[in-house]
Protein backbone atom coordinates (compact mmCIF):
# COMPACT_ATOMS: atom_id res chain seq x y z
CA MET A 1 -12.98 20.20 -16.28
CA GLU A 2 -14.95 17.60 -16.91
CA THR A 3 -14.08 14.54 -18.63
CA THR A 4 -15.84 14.40 -22.25
CA ILE A 5 -17.57 10.87 -23.72
CA LYS A 6 -14.79 10.83 -26.54
CA GLU A 7 -12.19 11.77 -24.02
CA LEU A 8 -13.02 8.53 -21.99
CA ASP A 9 -11.30 6.41 -25.11
CA ARG A 10 -7.87 7.63 -23.82
CA ILE A 11 -8.36 7.40 -19.91
CA TYR A 12 -5.78 4.76 -18.57
CA ILE A 13 -5.90 2.99 -15.62
CA GLY A 14 -5.15 4.89 -12.03
CA GLU A 15 -6.10 8.44 -13.43
CA GLU A 16 -9.19 10.86 -12.12
CA ILE A 17 -11.33 11.90 -14.35
CA THR A 18 -14.55 14.47 -12.96
CA TYR A 19 -17.70 13.28 -14.57
CA ASP A 20 -21.72 14.76 -14.56
CA LYS A 21 -19.85 18.36 -13.11
CA LYS A 22 -23.32 19.50 -12.10
CA SER A 23 -23.10 15.88 -9.69
CA GLY A 24 -20.16 16.93 -8.86
CA LEU A 25 -18.99 13.62 -9.68
CA VAL A 26 -15.14 12.76 -9.27
CA TYR A 27 -13.90 9.37 -9.86
CA ARG A 28 -10.69 7.45 -9.90
CA ILE A 29 -10.36 4.72 -11.95
CA ALA A 30 -8.73 1.65 -10.26
CA ILE A 31 -8.73 -1.30 -11.73
CA PHE A 32 -10.37 -2.12 -14.89
CA LYS A 33 -11.63 -1.12 -17.56
CA SER A 34 -13.61 -2.12 -20.48
CA VAL A 35 -15.49 -0.79 -23.46
CA SER A 36 -17.90 -1.96 -26.27
CA ILE A 37 -20.06 -0.19 -28.45
CA SER A 38 -22.29 0.96 -26.53
CA SER A 39 -20.88 1.56 -22.50
CA TYR A 40 -18.02 2.11 -21.19
CA ILE A 41 -18.00 0.52 -17.54
CA PHE A 42 -15.38 1.47 -14.95
CA GLN A 43 -14.70 -0.21 -11.74
CA LEU A 44 -13.13 1.63 -8.92
CA VAL A 45 -10.69 1.46 -5.93
CA ASN A 46 -13.22 1.16 -3.73
CA GLY A 47 -15.22 -1.64 -5.85
CA GLU A 48 -17.95 0.43 -7.36
CA ILE A 49 -18.37 -0.11 -10.72
CA ILE A 50 -19.77 2.78 -13.07
CA ILE A 51 -21.38 2.29 -16.61
CA ILE A 52 -21.42 4.71 -18.83
CA ARG A 53 -23.39 4.54 -21.79
CA ARG A 54 -22.13 5.95 -25.60
CA ASN A 55 -23.90 8.25 -28.15
């Protein structure tokens, strides 16, 4: 089940989310989440940082 932009507000550290099903990407959120006016920033267990633009 794909996670929508609105649902990202309710995601907690450590939860697994699927975003952009077409790419088959599954992210495990690790240690950091930041929400700004323009984007969500997640840092994952492997150190990868994902920035998702808000609409």
